[in-house]
Amino acid sequence: MAVKVLIPTTLQKFTSDRATLECDATSIAELIDSMEQSCPGIKGRLCDEEGKPRRFLNLYVNDEDIRFLEGVQTALKDGDQVSIVPAVAGG
């Protein structure tokens, strides 16, 4: 099941400078594990020690924030698009 992942510039050093990845996964948790297999080190940037997405990262499935869906258990289907969006702060 192919899912397209949009990678922010700050994480592209883990993806050999690719802005998108195609991964096979049925949930966000599975997707993160799949990304770690092909891009070692990226999971540590995406997740905390408990395996939860870091607070400063927003993950969207087809423009829906996973925090308002099922979190890392959010189901994925063929053709879904997952966007990783770093939080922006300023003053």
C-alpha atoms as a PDB file:
ATOM      1  CA  MET A   1       0.000   0.000   0.000  1.00  0.00           C
ATOM      2  CA  ALA A   2       1.852   3.097  -1.257  1.00  0.00           C
ATOM      3  CA  VAL A   3       1.670   6.268   0.812  1.00  0.00           C
ATOM      4  CA  LYS A   4       3.357   9.483  -0.284  1.00  0.00           C
ATOM      5  CA  VAL A   5       5.246  11.316   2.475  1.00  0.00           C
ATOM      6  CA  LEU A   6       6.178  14.991   2.149  1.00  0.00           C
ATOM      7  CA  ILE A   7       9.488  15.629   3.929  1.00  0.00           C
ATOM      8  CA  PRO A   8      10.355  19.107   5.237  1.00  0.00           C
ATOM      9  CA  THR A   9      13.728  20.565   4.276  1.00  0.00           C
ATOM     10  CA  THR A  10      15.060  20.188   7.827  1.00  0.00           C
ATOM     11  CA  LEU A  11      14.675  16.390   7.641  1.00  0.00           C
ATOM     12  CA  GLN A  12      15.855  15.852   4.071  1.00  0.00           C
ATOM     13  CA  LYS A  13      19.407  15.126   5.256  1.00  0.00           C
ATOM     14  CA  PHE A  14      17.982  11.744   6.391  1.00  0.00           C
ATOM     15  CA  THR A  15      16.310  11.084   3.011  1.00  0.00           C
ATOM     16  CA  SER A  16      19.303  11.782   0.744  1.00  0.00           C
ATOM     17  CA  ASP A  17      17.822  15.229   0.014  1.00  0.00           C
ATOM     18  CA  ARG A  18      14.521  13.814  -1.259  1.00  0.00           C
ATOM     19  CA  ALA A  19      11.448  15.964  -0.602  1.00  0.00           C
ATOM     20  CA  THR A  20       9.067  13.014  -0.966  1.00  0.00           C
ATOM     21  CA  LEU A  21       9.138   9.331  -0.088  1.00  0.00           C
ATOM     22  CA  GLU A  22       6.894   6.460  -1.086  1.00  0.00           C
ATOM     23  CA  CYS A  23       6.323   4.012   1.757  1.00  0.00           C
ATOM     24  CA  ASP A  24       4.175   0.969   2.374  1.00  0.00           C
ATOM     25  CA  ALA A  25       2.229   1.270   5.641  1.00  0.00           C
ATOM     26  CA  THR A  26      -1.258   0.795   7.063  1.00  0.00           C
ATOM     27  CA  SER A  27      -0.879   3.259   9.975  1.00  0.00           C
ATOM     28  CA  ILE A  28       1.210   6.258  10.977  1.00  0.00           C
ATOM     29  CA  ALA A  29       3.169   4.119  13.456  1.00  0.00           C
ATOM     30  CA  GLU A  30       3.955   1.603  10.710  1.00  0.00           C
ATOM     31  CA  LEU A  31       4.877   4.444   8.361  1.00  0.00           C
ATOM     32  CA  ILE A  32       7.399   5.868  10.835  1.00  0.00           C
ATOM     33  CA  ASP A  33       8.974   2.422  11.255  1.00  0.00           C
ATOM     34  CA  SER A  34       9.103   1.998   7.465  1.00  0.00           C
ATOM     35  CA  MET A  35      10.770   5.381   7.087  1.00  0.00           C
ATOM     36  CA  GLU A  36      13.354   4.438   9.721  1.00  0.00           C
ATOM     37  CA  GLN A  37      14.230   1.307   7.725  1.00  0.00           C
ATOM     38  CA  SER A  38      14.936   3.268   4.543  1.00  0.00           C
ATOM     39  CA  CYS A  39      16.212   6.476   6.222  1.00  0.00           C
ATOM     40  CA  PRO A  40      18.093   5.513   9.421  1.00  0.00           C
ATOM     41  CA  GLY A  41      17.931   8.163  12.131  1.00  0.00           C
ATOM     42  CA  ILE A  42      14.729   9.857  10.999  1.00  0.00           C
ATOM     43  CA  LYS A  43      12.547   8.192  13.655  1.00  0.00           C
ATOM     44  CA  GLY A  44      14.592   9.857  16.406  1.00  0.00           C
ATOM     45  CA  ARG A  45      13.769  13.228  14.878  1.00  0.00           C
ATOM     46  CA  LEU A  46      10.072  12.406  14.494  1.00  0.00           C
ATOM     47  CA  CYS A  47       9.383  10.645  17.794  1.00  0.00           C
ATOM     48  CA  ASP A  48      10.256  11.040  21.461  1.00  0.00           C
ATOM     49  CA  GLU A  49      11.641   8.247  23.659  1.00  0.00           C
ATOM     50  CA  GLU A  50       8.126   6.819  24.097  1.00  0.00           C
ATOM     51  CA  GLY A  51       7.591   6.574  20.333  1.00  0.00           C
ATOM     52  CA  LYS A  52       5.083   9.443  20.235  1.00  0.00           C
ATOM     53  CA  PRO A  53       5.410  12.205  17.635  1.00  0.00           C
ATOM     54  CA  ARG A  54       7.416  15.116  18.990  1.00  0.00           C
ATOM     55  CA  ARG A  55       5.421  18.129  20.153  1.00  0.00           C
ATOM     56  CA  PHE A  56       7.021  20.475  17.611  1.00  0.00           C
ATOM     57  CA  LEU A  57       6.000  18.324  14.643  1.00  0.00           C
ATOM     58  CA  ASN A  58       2.575  18.179  13.058  1.00  0.00           C
ATOM     59  CA  LEU A  59       1.590  15.155  10.999  1.00  0.00           C
ATOM     60  CA  TYR A  60      -1.254  15.365   8.524  1.00  0.00           C
ATOM     61  CA  VAL A  61      -2.982  12.641   6.535  1.00  0.00           C
ATOM     62  CA  ASN A  62      -4.664  14.191   3.511  1.00  0.00           C
ATOM     63  CA  ASP A  63      -4.745  17.603   5.255  1.00  0.00           C
ATOM     64  CA  GLU A  64      -6.201  16.175   8.504  1.00  0.00           C
ATOM     65  CA  ASP A  65      -4.117  16.567  11.674  1.00  0.00           C
ATOM     66  CA  ILE A  66      -3.534  13.109  13.208  1.00  0.00           C
ATOM     67  CA  ARG A  67      -4.120  14.603  16.683  1.00  0.00           C
ATOM     68  CA  PHE A  68      -7.791  14.905  15.701  1.00  0.00           C
ATOM     69  CA  LEU A  69      -7.870  11.437  14.158  1.00  0.00           C
ATOM     70  CA  GLU A  70      -6.368   8.376  15.879  1.00  0.00           C
ATOM     71  CA  GLY A  71      -2.837   9.667  16.523  1.00  0.00           C
ATOM     72  CA  VAL A  72      -0.146   7.212  15.468  1.00  0.00           C
ATOM     73  CA  GLN A  73      -2.838   4.558  15.050  1.00  0.00           C
ATOM     74  CA  THR A  74      -4.450   6.591  12.249  1.00  0.00           C
ATOM     75  CA  ALA A  75      -5.123   4.192   9.382  1.00  0.00           C
ATOM     76  CA  LEU A  76      -3.540   4.769   5.992  1.00  0.00           C
ATOM     77  CA  LYS A  77      -4.707   3.538   2.621  1.00  0.00           C
ATOM     78  CA  ASP A  78      -3.185   3.357  -0.813  1.00  0.00           C
ATOM     79  CA  GLY A  79      -2.747   6.826  -2.283  1.00  0.00           C
ATOM     80  CA  ASP A  80      -2.846   8.751   1.003  1.00  0.00           C
ATOM     81  CA  GLN A  81      -0.498  11.686   1.456  1.00  0.00           C
ATOM     82  CA  VAL A  82       1.231  12.310   4.770  1.00  0.00           C
ATOM     83  CA  SER A  83       2.733  15.726   5.422  1.00  0.00           C
ATOM     84  CA  ILE A  84       5.341  16.313   8.116  1.00  0.00           C
ATOM     85  CA  VAL A  85       5.166  19.961   9.139  1.00  0.00           C
ATOM     86  CA  PRO A  86       7.538  21.421  11.737  1.00  0.00           C
ATOM     87  CA  ALA A  87       5.856  23.861  14.117  1.00  0.00           C
ATOM     88  CA  VAL A  88       6.824  27.488  13.585  1.00  0.00           C
ATOM     89  CA  ALA A  89       7.323  29.839  16.494  1.00  0.00           C
ATOM     90  CA  GLY A  90       8.303  33.421  16.607  1.00  0.00           C
ATOM     91  CA  GLY A  91       7.682  36.646  18.261  1.00  0.00           C
END
